[in-house]
Amino acid sequence: MARSQRDSQSRREAFRAVRAKAAGYSRAEIRDLYEAELRSRGLPIPSPDILDAQVDAITRNYVPLDRLMGKSLTDFGKLLRGIFRPPR
């Protein structure tokens, strides 16, 4: 649990560090900066969808993040429906 909290804190710090210096950079450059920041802290690089949503959040574009959250909730709902569907 302590490691999870440290990793979470490190992720937040990496996010803030990149956001602080992101002005004037392209989206691809911000993505590279964020990946480098995560690697420097010994954190794994998330999946491309998550990484793209985080880069969008760094640039304060929350629409793709909202879309990803909506897709996740839809997939979770489908999973629950499959689990709790009465047998035929």
C-alpha atoms as a PDB file:
ATOM      1  CA  MET A   1       0.000   0.000   0.000  1.00  0.00           C
ATOM      2  CA  ALA A   2       2.847   2.366   0.801  1.00  0.00           C
ATOM      3  CA  ARG A   3       4.446   1.690  -2.593  1.00  0.00           C
ATOM      4  CA  SER A   4       1.150   2.384  -4.338  1.00  0.00           C
ATOM      5  CA  GLN A   5       0.886   5.722  -2.519  1.00  0.00           C
ATOM      6  CA  ARG A   6       4.480   6.615  -3.452  1.00  0.00           C
ATOM      7  CA  ASP A   7       3.849   5.730  -7.104  1.00  0.00           C
ATOM      8  CA  SER A   8       0.652   7.762  -7.118  1.00  0.00           C
ATOM      9  CA  GLN A   9       2.458  10.736  -5.593  1.00  0.00           C
ATOM     10  CA  SER A  10       5.294  10.373  -8.130  1.00  0.00           C
ATOM     11  CA  ARG A  11       2.769  10.306 -10.984  1.00  0.00           C
ATOM     12  CA  ARG A  12       1.131  13.495  -9.719  1.00  0.00           C
ATOM     13  CA  GLU A  13       4.525  15.172  -9.397  1.00  0.00           C
ATOM     14  CA  ALA A  14       5.502  14.104 -12.929  1.00  0.00           C
ATOM     15  CA  PHE A  15       2.196  15.448 -14.234  1.00  0.00           C
ATOM     16  CA  ARG A  16       2.693  18.786 -12.476  1.00  0.00           C
ATOM     17  CA  ALA A  17       6.319  19.071 -13.593  1.00  0.00           C
ATOM     18  CA  VAL A  18       5.413  18.568 -17.250  1.00  0.00           C
ATOM     19  CA  ARG A  19       2.393  20.885 -17.019  1.00  0.00           C
ATOM     20  CA  ALA A  20       4.646  23.623 -15.586  1.00  0.00           C
ATOM     21  CA  LYS A  21       7.001  23.504 -18.574  1.00  0.00           C
ATOM     22  CA  ALA A  22       4.515  22.505 -21.331  1.00  0.00           C
ATOM     23  CA  ALA A  23       3.801  26.007 -22.612  1.00  0.00           C
ATOM     24  CA  GLY A  24       4.953  26.407 -26.187  1.00  0.00           C
ATOM     25  CA  TYR A  25       5.495  22.702 -26.805  1.00  0.00           C
ATOM     26  CA  SER A  26       3.597  20.588 -29.310  1.00  0.00           C
ATOM     27  CA  ARG A  27       1.431  17.703 -28.163  1.00  0.00           C
ATOM     28  CA  ALA A  28       4.063  15.179 -29.317  1.00  0.00           C
ATOM     29  CA  GLU A  29       6.785  17.030 -27.409  1.00  0.00           C
ATOM     30  CA  ILE A  30       4.621  17.106 -24.281  1.00  0.00           C
ATOM     31  CA  ARG A  31       4.037  13.361 -24.626  1.00  0.00           C
ATOM     32  CA  ASP A  32       7.807  12.792 -24.893  1.00  0.00           C
ATOM     33  CA  LEU A  33       8.414  15.022 -21.858  1.00  0.00           C
ATOM     34  CA  TYR A  34       5.806  13.142 -19.830  1.00  0.00           C
ATOM     35  CA  GLU A  35       7.195   9.741 -20.799  1.00  0.00           C
ATOM     36  CA  ALA A  36      10.712  10.881 -19.880  1.00  0.00           C
ATOM     37  CA  GLU A  37       9.450  12.250 -16.557  1.00  0.00           C
ATOM     38  CA  LEU A  38       7.723   8.953 -15.744  1.00  0.00           C
ATOM     39  CA  ARG A  39      10.817   6.938 -16.685  1.00  0.00           C
ATOM     40  CA  SER A  40      13.059   9.167 -14.574  1.00  0.00           C
ATOM     41  CA  ARG A  41      10.862   8.348 -11.584  1.00  0.00           C
ATOM     42  CA  GLY A  42      10.921   4.603 -12.311  1.00  0.00           C
ATOM     43  CA  LEU A  43       7.224   4.493 -13.214  1.00  0.00           C
ATOM     44  CA  PRO A  44       5.764   2.378 -16.020  1.00  0.00           C
ATOM     45  CA  ILE A  45       4.431   4.097 -19.135  1.00  0.00           C
ATOM     46  CA  PRO A  46       0.642   3.648 -19.281  1.00  0.00           C
ATOM     47  CA  SER A  47      -1.242   2.249 -22.272  1.00  0.00           C
ATOM     48  CA  PRO A  48      -1.470   4.567 -25.305  1.00  0.00           C
ATOM     49  CA  ASP A  49      -5.105   5.486 -24.583  1.00  0.00           C
ATOM     50  CA  ILE A  50      -4.337   6.439 -20.983  1.00  0.00           C
ATOM     51  CA  LEU A  51      -1.150   8.249 -21.979  1.00  0.00           C
ATOM     52  CA  ASP A  52      -3.015  10.274 -24.617  1.00  0.00           C
ATOM     53  CA  ALA A  53      -5.710  11.206 -22.087  1.00  0.00           C
ATOM     54  CA  GLN A  54      -3.053  12.295 -19.590  1.00  0.00           C
ATOM     55  CA  VAL A  55      -1.263  14.392 -22.216  1.00  0.00           C
ATOM     56  CA  ASP A  56      -4.590  16.009 -23.082  1.00  0.00           C
ATOM     57  CA  ALA A  57      -5.158  16.761 -19.396  1.00  0.00           C
ATOM     58  CA  ILE A  58      -1.688  18.340 -19.201  1.00  0.00           C
ATOM     59  CA  THR A  59      -2.728  20.644 -22.040  1.00  0.00           C
ATOM     60  CA  ARG A  60      -6.049  21.212 -20.213  1.00  0.00           C
ATOM     61  CA  ASN A  61      -8.076  19.544 -22.968  1.00  0.00           C
ATOM     62  CA  TYR A  62     -10.394  17.315 -20.953  1.00  0.00           C
ATOM     63  CA  VAL A  63     -12.729  16.137 -23.742  1.00  0.00           C
ATOM     64  CA  PRO A  64     -10.665  13.020 -24.647  1.00  0.00           C
ATOM     65  CA  LEU A  65     -10.380  12.170 -20.944  1.00  0.00           C
ATOM     66  CA  ASP A  66     -14.152  12.418 -20.572  1.00  0.00           C
ATOM     67  CA  ARG A  67     -14.580  10.198 -23.623  1.00  0.00           C
ATOM     68  CA  LEU A  68     -12.190   7.601 -22.173  1.00  0.00           C
ATOM     69  CA  MET A  69     -14.020   7.638 -18.830  1.00  0.00           C
ATOM     70  CA  GLY A  70     -17.365   7.213 -20.611  1.00  0.00           C
ATOM     71  CA  LYS A  71     -16.019   4.256 -22.586  1.00  0.00           C
ATOM     72  CA  SER A  72     -14.661   2.681 -19.401  1.00  0.00           C
ATOM     73  CA  LEU A  73     -18.014   3.058 -17.644  1.00  0.00           C
ATOM     74  CA  THR A  74     -19.836   1.592 -20.644  1.00  0.00           C
ATOM     75  CA  ASP A  75     -17.472  -1.390 -20.743  1.00  0.00           C
ATOM     76  CA  PHE A  76     -17.900  -1.888 -16.998  1.00  0.00           C
ATOM     77  CA  GLY A  77     -21.694  -1.802 -17.380  1.00  0.00           C
ATOM     78  CA  LYS A  78     -21.505  -4.452 -20.102  1.00  0.00           C
ATOM     79  CA  LEU A  79     -19.325  -6.590 -17.857  1.00  0.00           C
ATOM     80  CA  LEU A  80     -21.795  -6.322 -14.995  1.00  0.00           C
ATOM     81  CA  ARG A  81     -24.705  -7.115 -17.295  1.00  0.00           C
ATOM     82  CA  GLY A  82     -22.866 -10.258 -18.429  1.00  0.00           C
ATOM     83  CA  ILE A  83     -22.197 -11.325 -14.852  1.00  0.00           C
ATOM     84  CA  PHE A  84     -25.688 -10.728 -13.508  1.00  0.00           C
ATOM     85  CA  ARG A  85     -27.708 -11.824 -16.533  1.00  0.00           C
ATOM     86  CA  PRO A  86     -30.028 -14.681 -15.608  1.00  0.00           C
ATOM     87  CA  PRO A  87     -29.148 -17.993 -17.280  1.00  0.00           C
ATOM     88  CA  ARG A  88     -31.252 -18.948 -20.271  1.00  0.00           C
END
